[in-house]
């Protein structure tokens, strides 16, 4: 079906207003053309309008770019996915000596290294910031043995970015331009604020109308989440993953399942190389989302239909907004029904919650789980560098089955899934927001 961009401009504006989203930018590839529209403002304090050439932070969607950089180097024979990190970065180590020698590039790109992954450490603005960050990873503990499970790991992608630097002889930002941006002609994709500021740039909002306390994260976490781009540039990148030879000789290799996710309600059922993988209405979907300080991004790639969609926002109830828009868009473009997120069952479920209560902790987050009626109450508190940037959050959890619970913020239509895992060896994990958080008390 031929896309009606005027219709989608109106729907973008209406859905953004319904979900208190200050500004949004949408682009999608359909019938061989990229269509784009924008709505709202980049900053509620200035009223600067969001335009299709405005740059938003795409957050962790950056990880697909970093994974692509390493896949390019692998195709060139410079490295393999099963090369140990220590073979490329002499002296590399984490707190566990055995893990230090076992972690491979594949572990980094599939979030299976087990490294406690939310170290948001500012190591300065210099070109050595990734090298210094990787040195600091020597303090990171294992949340589980290498390759044993899946847990979203920002630190692993910073390490991957440092591998790119070592193999190319360039800082990560420059390597990204030479490997991806310049070959694809992406003129509105940048990583450093001095470049982003040459364009209209979105500011995050942490509450309706409330501008975020900081614009962005430190340069040292660049490979995990610092790309800023227009929605059209993000779509062009996604399109390259459907076109052999545009960047990679075999981009489909990145969409091969590598690990099943312990929380299959958290965006996808499996992880590939850089991509989150799922099946919607019988069709393969590769996607990635990203959050920074008050900004949210999403990229979807549908190989069977050739559809690529990027949606960038700077606040509000972004998950709700994202779900409603992609649902409407894919029905019209591809006749595809987006599955509804997990929600409380029609009939209440009775679960013995006693084995799930306690304190769970990882870098950047401490989670208290206590009994509440027939369910649980979960309070998440930011720790370390995330204090002041992330907010404490309390969710009342309703059981869905013996180990799965859902909760949502007041006023939000979207439920968040929490999966508890009790292992035979006595270890326990809480799986939420892609992370495996071990119980410590």
Protein backbone atom coordinates (compact mmCIF):
# COMPACT_ATOMS: atom_id res chain seq x y z
CA UNK A 1 0.00 0.00 0.00
CA UNK A 2 1.30 3.45 -0.90
CA UNK A 3 2.13 5.44 2.22
CA UNK A 4 0.17 8.63 2.94
CA UNK A 5 2.71 10.74 4.83
CA UNK A 6 0.15 13.46 5.58
CA UNK A 7 -1.95 10.88 7.39
CA UNK A 8 1.04 9.71 9.42
CA UNK A 9 2.00 13.27 10.26
CA UNK A 10 -1.45 13.74 11.76
CA UNK A 11 -1.35 10.40 13.59
CA UNK A 12 2.14 11.11 14.93
CA UNK A 13 0.94 14.42 16.37
CA UNK A 14 -2.25 12.95 17.83
CA UNK A 15 -0.59 9.94 19.45
CA UNK A 16 2.25 12.09 20.82
CA UNK A 17 -0.27 14.43 22.46
CA UNK A 18 -2.14 11.46 23.96
CA UNK A 19 1.09 10.11 25.52
CA UNK A 20 2.54 13.48 26.68
CA UNK A 21 5.46 13.18 24.24
CA UNK A 22 7.02 16.66 23.72
CA UNK A 23 8.56 15.88 20.34
CA UNK A 24 8.89 12.94 17.98
CA UNK A 25 10.42 12.08 14.63
CA UNK A 26 9.24 9.17 12.46
CA UNK A 27 10.74 7.69 9.32
CA UNK A 28 9.88 4.49 7.50
CA UNK A 29 10.92 2.64 4.38
CA UNK A 30 7.96 1.48 2.30
CA UNK A 31 7.46 0.85 -1.43
CA UNK A 32 11.18 1.52 -1.90
CA UNK A 33 11.04 5.07 -0.52
CA UNK A 34 11.85 6.66 2.83
CA UNK A 35 9.00 8.73 4.25
CA UNK A 36 9.53 11.09 7.20
CA UNK A 37 7.57 13.42 9.45
CA UNK A 38 8.00 15.11 12.83
CA UNK A 39 5.87 16.74 15.49
CA UNK A 40 6.15 18.82 18.66
CA UNK A 41 9.19 20.53 20.11
CA UNK A 42 12.82 19.65 20.75
CA UNK A 43 12.82 21.44 24.10
CA UNK A 44 9.79 22.62 26.05
CA UNK A 45 11.88 25.42 27.59
CA UNK A 46 12.72 26.96 24.21
CA UNK A 47 9.84 25.83 22.03
CA UNK A 48 12.19 24.94 19.17
CA UNK A 49 10.15 22.84 16.74
CA UNK A 50 11.05 19.21 15.97
CA UNK A 51 11.80 18.80 12.26
CA UNK A 52 12.66 15.82 10.11
CA UNK A 53 16.29 17.01 10.02
CA UNK A 54 16.50 17.36 13.84
CA UNK A 55 18.86 15.01 15.69
CA UNK A 56 17.61 12.85 18.57
CA UNK A 57 19.66 10.57 20.81
CA UNK A 58 19.10 6.98 19.69
CA UNK A 59 20.60 5.53 22.88
CA UNK A 60 21.20 1.80 22.81
CA UNK A 61 20.18 1.45 19.17
CA UNK A 62 23.85 2.49 18.88
CA UNK A 63 24.73 -1.06 19.89
CA UNK A 64 23.60 -2.39 16.51
CA UNK A 65 26.01 0.07 14.89
CA UNK A 66 28.89 -1.08 17.11
CA UNK A 67 28.03 -4.73 16.42
CA UNK A 68 28.05 -3.94 12.69
CA UNK A 69 31.52 -2.41 13.00
CA UNK A 70 32.86 -5.64 14.48
CA UNK A 71 31.05 -7.75 11.90
CA UNK A 72 32.70 -5.69 9.16
CA UNK A 73 36.09 -6.43 10.72
CA UNK A 74 35.17 -10.12 10.98
CA UNK A 75 34.22 -10.23 7.29
CA UNK A 76 37.61 -8.70 6.51
CA UNK A 77 39.31 -11.53 8.42
CA UNK A 78 40.69 -9.19 11.07
CA UNK A 79 38.98 -11.07 13.89
CA UNK A 80 36.31 -13.72 14.53
CA UNK A 81 33.30 -13.57 16.81
CA UNK A 82 34.88 -16.30 18.93
CA UNK A 83 38.16 -14.45 19.40
CA UNK A 84 38.78 -13.87 23.12
CA UNK A 85 38.73 -10.19 24.01
CA UNK A 86 42.07 -10.61 25.79
CA UNK A 87 43.67 -11.65 22.48
CA UNK A 88 42.85 -8.21 21.03
CA UNK A 89 43.17 -6.12 24.20
CA UNK A 90 46.29 -7.30 26.07
CA UNK A 91 45.77 -6.98 29.81
CA UNK A 92 41.97 -7.01 29.56
CA UNK A 93 40.36 -8.23 32.75
CA UNK A 94 37.26 -8.19 34.86
CA UNK A 95 37.06 -9.11 38.53
CA UNK A 96 36.87 -12.86 37.79
CA UNK A 97 40.19 -14.06 36.39
CA UNK A 98 38.72 -17.09 34.62
CA UNK A 99 36.05 -14.94 32.98
CA UNK A 100 38.69 -12.48 31.82
CA UNK A 101 40.29 -15.10 29.60
CA UNK A 102 37.03 -16.72 28.42
CA UNK A 103 34.96 -13.71 27.28
CA UNK A 104 34.79 -13.52 23.49
CA UNK A 105 33.45 -10.92 21.08
CA UNK A 106 30.35 -13.07 20.61
CA UNK A 107 29.69 -12.89 24.36
CA UNK A 108 29.91 -9.09 24.22
CA UNK A 109 27.60 -8.72 21.22
CA UNK A 110 24.96 -11.13 22.57
CA UNK A 111 24.98 -9.88 26.19
CA UNK A 112 26.09 -13.30 27.46
CA UNK A 113 29.43 -12.35 29.06
CA UNK A 114 27.87 -12.29 32.55
CA UNK A 115 29.70 -9.03 33.31
CA UNK A 116 27.78 -6.65 35.59
CA UNK A 117 26.97 -4.26 32.80
CA UNK A 118 25.71 -0.83 33.90
CA UNK A 119 28.98 0.93 34.70
CA UNK A 120 28.27 4.51 33.61
CA UNK A 121 31.73 5.80 34.39
CA UNK A 122 32.92 9.15 33.08
CA UNK A 123 36.57 8.74 32.08
CA UNK A 124 36.89 12.15 30.48
CA UNK A 125 36.52 13.70 27.05
CA UNK A 126 39.91 12.62 25.72
CA UNK A 127 40.51 10.17 22.90
CA UNK A 128 41.70 7.65 25.51
CA UNK A 129 38.31 7.56 27.28
CA UNK A 130 37.43 4.02 26.09
CA UNK A 131 40.84 2.69 26.99
CA UNK A 132 40.49 4.14 30.48
CA UNK A 133 36.94 2.77 30.80
CA UNK A 134 38.05 -0.75 29.87
CA UNK A 135 40.82 -0.53 32.48
CA UNK A 136 38.16 0.32 35.08
CA UNK A 137 36.21 -2.81 34.10
CA UNK A 138 38.72 -4.78 36.19
CA UNK A 139 36.36 -4.15 39.14
CA UNK A 140 33.25 -5.59 37.46
CA UNK A 141 31.88 -8.78 38.98
CA UNK A 142 30.06 -11.60 37.21
CA UNK A 143 26.29 -11.75 37.59
CA UNK A 144 26.50 -15.30 36.16
CA UNK A 145 29.25 -17.48 34.60
CA UNK A 146 30.37 -16.59 31.08
CA UNK A 147 27.85 -17.80 28.49
CA UNK A 148 25.42 -19.10 31.12
CA UNK A 149 22.54 -16.69 30.50
CA UNK A 150 21.62 -13.32 29.01
CA UNK A 151 21.79 -9.94 30.72
CA UNK A 152 21.82 -6.62 28.93
CA UNK A 153 25.36 -5.26 29.25
CA UNK A 154 26.31 -1.69 28.41
CA UNK A 155 29.86 -2.28 29.61
CA UNK A 156 30.28 -5.12 27.13
CA UNK A 157 29.58 -2.79 24.22
CA UNK A 158 32.05 -0.20 25.45
CA UNK A 159 34.62 -3.01 25.53
CA UNK A 160 33.53 -3.94 21.99
CA UNK A 161 34.06 -0.33 20.93
CA UNK A 162 37.56 -0.44 22.35
CA UNK A 163 38.21 -3.59 20.29
CA UNK A 164 37.17 -1.60 17.21
CA UNK A 165 39.68 1.09 18.17
CA UNK A 166 42.47 -1.45 18.62
CA UNK A 167 41.81 -3.13 15.26
CA UNK A 168 41.28 0.04 13.19
CA UNK A 169 43.82 2.34 14.86
CA UNK A 170 41.12 5.02 15.12
CA UNK A 171 39.02 6.36 17.97
CA UNK A 172 35.59 4.75 17.95
CA UNK A 173 33.81 7.91 16.77
CA UNK A 174 36.09 8.21 13.71
CA UNK A 175 35.89 4.49 12.95
CA UNK A 176 32.08 4.71 13.02
CA UNK A 177 32.16 7.45 10.41
CA UNK A 178 34.58 5.61 8.11
CA UNK A 179 33.00 2.17 8.47
CA UNK A 180 29.30 3.11 8.38
CA UNK A 181 28.29 6.78 8.12
CA UNK A 182 30.37 7.78 5.10
CA UNK A 183 29.69 4.63 3.02
CA UNK A 184 25.93 5.09 3.60
CA UNK A 185 26.00 8.87 3.09
CA UNK A 186 24.66 9.60 6.56
CA UNK A 187 25.16 13.34 6.95
CA UNK A 188 22.97 13.69 10.04
CA UNK A 189 24.53 11.01 12.27
CA UNK A 190 27.05 12.14 14.90
CA UNK A 191 28.34 11.15 18.32
CA UNK A 192 30.10 14.18 19.81
CA UNK A 193 28.11 17.15 21.15
CA UNK A 194 30.22 19.68 19.23
CA UNK A 195 29.03 18.02 16.02
CA UNK A 196 25.44 17.49 17.14
CA UNK A 197 25.09 21.16 18.08
CA UNK A 198 25.52 22.16 14.43
CA UNK A 199 22.00 20.83 13.91
CA UNK A 200 18.73 21.13 15.76
CA UNK A 201 19.15 18.72 18.70
CA UNK A 202 16.47 17.29 20.98
CA UNK A 203 16.63 17.68 24.73
CA UNK A 204 15.25 14.92 26.94
CA UNK A 205 12.32 15.38 29.31
CA UNK A 206 12.00 13.31 32.48
CA UNK A 207 8.45 14.37 33.34
CA UNK A 208 5.76 16.03 31.21
CA UNK A 209 7.24 19.41 30.32
CA UNK A 210 10.24 18.99 32.65
CA UNK A 211 13.58 19.26 30.87
CA UNK A 212 16.13 16.61 31.87
CA UNK A 213 18.96 17.63 34.25
CA UNK A 214 21.65 16.77 31.68
CA UNK A 215 21.77 16.55 27.90
CA UNK A 216 23.71 13.33 27.49
CA UNK A 217 25.87 10.56 28.88
CA UNK A 218 29.70 10.61 29.09
CA UNK A 219 31.76 10.07 25.95
CA UNK A 220 33.19 6.93 27.55
CA UNK A 221 29.95 5.02 26.97
CA UNK A 222 29.79 6.02 23.31
CA UNK A 223 29.73 2.54 21.70
CA UNK A 224 26.86 1.56 24.01
CA UNK A 225 24.61 4.52 23.33
CA UNK A 226 25.81 7.91 22.07
CA UNK A 227 24.77 8.06 18.43
CA UNK A 228 22.56 11.04 17.62
CA UNK A 229 20.72 10.99 14.30
CA UNK A 230 17.64 11.81 12.31
CA UNK A 231 15.01 9.12 11.95
CA UNK A 232 15.75 8.99 8.21
CA UNK A 233 19.43 8.24 8.82
CA UNK A 234 18.47 5.47 11.25
CA UNK A 235 16.18 3.98 8.60
CA UNK A 236 19.00 4.15 6.04
CA UNK A 237 21.18 2.18 8.44
CA UNK A 238 18.40 -0.38 8.96
CA UNK A 239 17.91 -0.65 5.20
CA UNK A 240 21.58 -1.55 4.79
CA UNK A 241 20.89 -4.59 6.98
CA UNK A 242 18.45 -5.84 4.34
CA UNK A 243 20.82 -5.24 1.43
CA UNK A 244 23.83 -7.56 1.04
CA UNK A 245 26.84 -5.50 0.03
CA UNK A 246 25.49 -2.15 1.24
CA UNK A 247 27.73 -2.55 4.29
CA UNK A 248 28.06 -6.23 5.11
CA UNK A 249 28.36 -9.04 2.58
CA UNK A 250 25.95 -11.08 4.72
CA UNK A 251 23.88 -8.83 7.01
CA UNK A 252 21.48 -11.73 7.72
CA UNK A 253 24.24 -13.35 9.80
CA UNK A 254 23.56 -10.75 12.48
CA UNK A 255 19.95 -11.92 12.67
CA UNK A 256 20.77 -15.54 13.45
CA UNK A 257 19.50 -16.43 16.97
CA UNK A 258 22.31 -16.81 19.51
CA UNK A 259 20.50 -17.08 22.85
CA UNK A 260 16.96 -17.42 24.19
CA UNK A 261 15.93 -14.61 26.52
CA UNK A 262 14.99 -15.52 30.11
CA UNK A 263 12.29 -12.82 30.02
CA UNK A 264 10.59 -13.32 26.63
CA UNK A 265 8.12 -10.51 27.35
CA UNK A 266 10.80 -7.82 27.38
CA UNK A 267 11.03 -6.84 23.71
CA UNK A 268 11.86 -10.15 22.04
CA UNK A 269 12.33 -13.88 22.50
CA UNK A 270 15.92 -14.23 21.31
CA UNK A 271 19.08 -12.23 20.74
CA UNK A 272 21.20 -12.26 17.61
CA UNK A 273 24.42 -10.32 16.98
CA UNK A 274 23.43 -6.86 18.18
CA UNK A 275 19.73 -7.39 17.30
CA UNK A 276 16.77 -8.36 19.47
CA UNK A 277 14.75 -10.98 17.58
CA UNK A 278 11.08 -11.89 17.59
CA UNK A 279 8.24 -13.12 15.39
CA UNK A 280 5.17 -10.93 14.90
CA UNK A 281 2.15 -12.38 13.14
CA UNK A 282 4.38 -15.10 11.67
CA UNK A 283 7.02 -12.69 10.36
CA UNK A 284 10.60 -12.15 11.50
CA UNK A 285 11.29 -8.85 13.24
CA UNK A 286 14.74 -7.57 14.22
CA UNK A 287 14.65 -4.55 16.49
CA UNK A 288 16.44 -2.49 19.09
CA UNK A 289 15.31 0.25 21.45
CA UNK A 290 17.33 2.83 23.31
CA UNK A 291 16.92 5.14 26.29
CA UNK A 292 19.12 8.00 27.39
CA UNK A 293 18.28 10.83 29.79
CA UNK A 294 14.66 11.51 28.88
CA UNK A 295 14.91 10.32 25.27
CA UNK A 296 13.77 7.07 23.68
CA UNK A 297 14.36 5.51 20.27
CA UNK A 298 13.25 2.39 18.44
CA UNK A 299 14.29 0.72 15.19
CA UNK A 300 12.39 -2.16 13.58
CA UNK A 301 13.51 -4.16 10.53
CA UNK A 302 11.18 -6.65 8.80
CA UNK A 303 13.25 -8.72 6.34
CA UNK A 304 10.27 -10.45 4.69
CA UNK A 305 8.48 -7.24 3.72
CA UNK A 306 11.48 -4.92 3.45
CA UNK A 307 9.90 -2.46 5.88
CA UNK A 308 12.15 -0.43 8.18
CA UNK A 309 10.78 1.97 10.82
CA UNK A 310 12.55 4.40 13.17
CA UNK A 311 10.73 6.35 15.87
CA UNK A 312 12.61 8.89 18.03
CA UNK A 313 11.10 10.71 21.01
CA UNK A 314 12.24 13.07 23.77
CA UNK A 315 10.02 12.21 26.72
CA UNK A 316 6.51 11.31 27.81
CA UNK A 317 5.04 7.82 27.97
CA UNK A 318 7.32 6.68 25.19
CA UNK A 319 6.66 2.92 25.39
CA UNK A 320 2.91 3.44 25.13
CA UNK A 321 3.36 5.89 22.24
CA UNK A 322 5.77 3.56 20.45
CA UNK A 323 3.46 0.54 20.74
CA UNK A 324 0.41 2.38 19.47
CA UNK A 325 2.19 3.93 16.51
CA UNK A 326 4.06 0.84 15.29
CA UNK A 327 0.84 -1.15 15.65
CA UNK A 328 -1.11 1.22 13.39
CA UNK A 329 1.75 1.65 10.92
CA UNK A 330 2.49 -2.03 10.32
CA UNK A 331 -1.19 -2.90 9.89
CA UNK A 332 -1.40 -0.36 7.08
CA UNK A 333 1.97 -1.03 5.45
CA UNK A 334 2.21 -4.82 5.76
CA UNK A 335 -1.13 -6.07 7.08
CA UNK A 336 0.82 -7.23 10.13
CA UNK A 337 -0.70 -7.35 13.63
CA UNK A 338 1.75 -6.34 16.35
CA UNK A 339 1.28 -8.62 19.39
CA UNK A 340 -0.13 -7.11 22.54
CA UNK A 341 2.29 -6.87 25.49
CA UNK A 342 1.87 -9.25 28.40
CA UNK A 343 -0.83 -8.18 30.87
CA UNK A 344 -2.55 -9.56 33.97
CA UNK A 345 -4.60 -12.71 33.23
CA UNK A 346 -8.37 -12.49 33.00
CA UNK A 347 -8.59 -14.87 35.95
CA UNK A 348 -6.34 -14.17 38.96
CA UNK A 349 -3.45 -16.58 39.45
CA UNK A 350 -2.42 -17.81 42.89
CA UNK A 351 1.36 -18.00 43.36
CA UNK A 352 3.58 -18.71 46.37
CA UNK A 353 5.54 -15.46 46.37
CA UNK A 354 7.68 -16.15 49.45
CA UNK A 355 10.66 -17.49 47.51
CA UNK A 356 10.90 -14.30 45.42
CA UNK A 357 11.15 -11.68 48.18
CA UNK A 358 14.50 -10.16 49.07
CA UNK A 359 17.10 -7.70 47.79
CA UNK A 360 18.53 -7.97 44.27
CA UNK A 361 21.51 -5.87 43.20
CA UNK A 362 23.79 -5.13 40.24
CA UNK A 363 25.85 -2.14 39.16
CA UNK A 364 23.63 0.95 39.07
CA UNK A 365 20.54 -0.63 40.63
CA UNK A 366 19.26 -2.04 43.92
CA UNK A 367 15.86 -3.77 43.85
CA UNK A 368 13.76 -4.53 46.93
CA UNK A 369 11.00 -7.12 46.48
CA UNK A 370 8.43 -7.63 49.20
CA UNK A 371 5.09 -9.36 49.57
CA UNK A 372 1.93 -7.38 48.81
CA UNK A 373 -1.40 -9.17 49.01
CA UNK A 374 -1.51 -11.91 46.37
CA UNK A 375 1.40 -10.32 44.51
CA UNK A 376 4.63 -8.45 45.13
CA UNK A 377 5.89 -4.90 45.42
CA UNK A 378 9.18 -4.07 43.64
CA UNK A 379 11.11 -0.88 44.37
CA UNK A 380 14.07 -0.09 42.14
CA UNK A 381 16.63 2.45 43.39
CA UNK A 382 19.44 3.88 41.22
CA UNK A 383 22.94 3.62 42.67
CA UNK A 384 26.37 4.95 41.74
CA UNK A 385 26.51 7.31 38.76
CA UNK A 386 22.81 6.80 38.02
CA UNK A 387 21.79 8.64 41.21
CA UNK A 388 20.29 11.92 40.05
CA UNK A 389 19.90 10.72 36.44
CA UNK A 390 17.52 7.78 36.88
CA UNK A 391 14.55 7.87 39.23
CA UNK A 392 13.47 5.44 41.91
CA UNK A 393 10.48 3.43 40.83
CA UNK A 394 7.90 1.30 42.63
CA UNK A 395 5.78 -1.29 40.84
CA UNK A 396 3.02 -3.41 42.34
CA UNK A 397 3.38 -6.79 40.64
CA UNK A 398 0.48 -9.03 39.63
CA UNK A 399 1.20 -12.72 38.98
CA UNK A 400 0.74 -14.05 35.44
CA UNK A 401 2.11 -17.54 36.05
CA UNK A 402 4.37 -19.30 38.57
CA UNK A 403 7.40 -17.06 37.83
CA UNK A 404 6.10 -14.16 35.71
CA UNK A 405 4.64 -10.94 37.11
CA UNK A 406 3.59 -7.63 35.58
CA UNK A 407 3.42 -4.10 36.94
CA UNK A 408 3.00 -0.59 35.59
CA UNK A 409 3.40 3.02 36.61
CA UNK A 410 0.32 4.97 37.64
CA UNK A 411 -1.32 6.47 34.58
CA UNK A 412 0.60 4.23 32.17
CA UNK A 413 -1.22 1.77 29.91
CA UNK A 414 1.85 -0.44 29.38
CA UNK A 415 2.69 -3.33 31.70
CA UNK A 416 6.29 -4.27 32.52
CA UNK A 417 7.16 -7.95 32.80
CA UNK A 418 9.29 -9.33 35.63
CA UNK A 419 10.46 -12.96 35.56
CA UNK A 420 11.97 -14.68 38.60
CA UNK A 421 14.43 -17.54 38.18
CA UNK A 422 15.26 -19.93 41.01
CA UNK A 423 18.20 -22.19 40.16
CA UNK A 424 18.95 -25.62 41.56
CA UNK A 425 22.24 -24.39 43.04
CA UNK A 426 20.38 -21.87 45.20
CA UNK A 427 21.08 -18.73 43.15
CA UNK A 428 18.11 -16.53 42.27
CA UNK A 429 17.65 -13.91 39.57
CA UNK A 430 15.16 -11.20 38.77
CA UNK A 431 14.86 -10.61 35.01
CA UNK A 432 13.55 -7.15 34.18
CA UNK A 433 14.41 -4.51 31.61
CA UNK A 434 16.69 -7.01 29.89
CA UNK A 435 18.89 -7.43 32.95
CA UNK A 436 19.55 -10.45 35.12
CA UNK A 437 19.85 -9.13 38.67
CA UNK A 438 21.06 -11.64 41.30
CA UNK A 439 19.51 -11.82 44.76
CA UNK A 440 22.00 -10.73 47.41
CA UNK A 441 19.87 -10.87 50.57
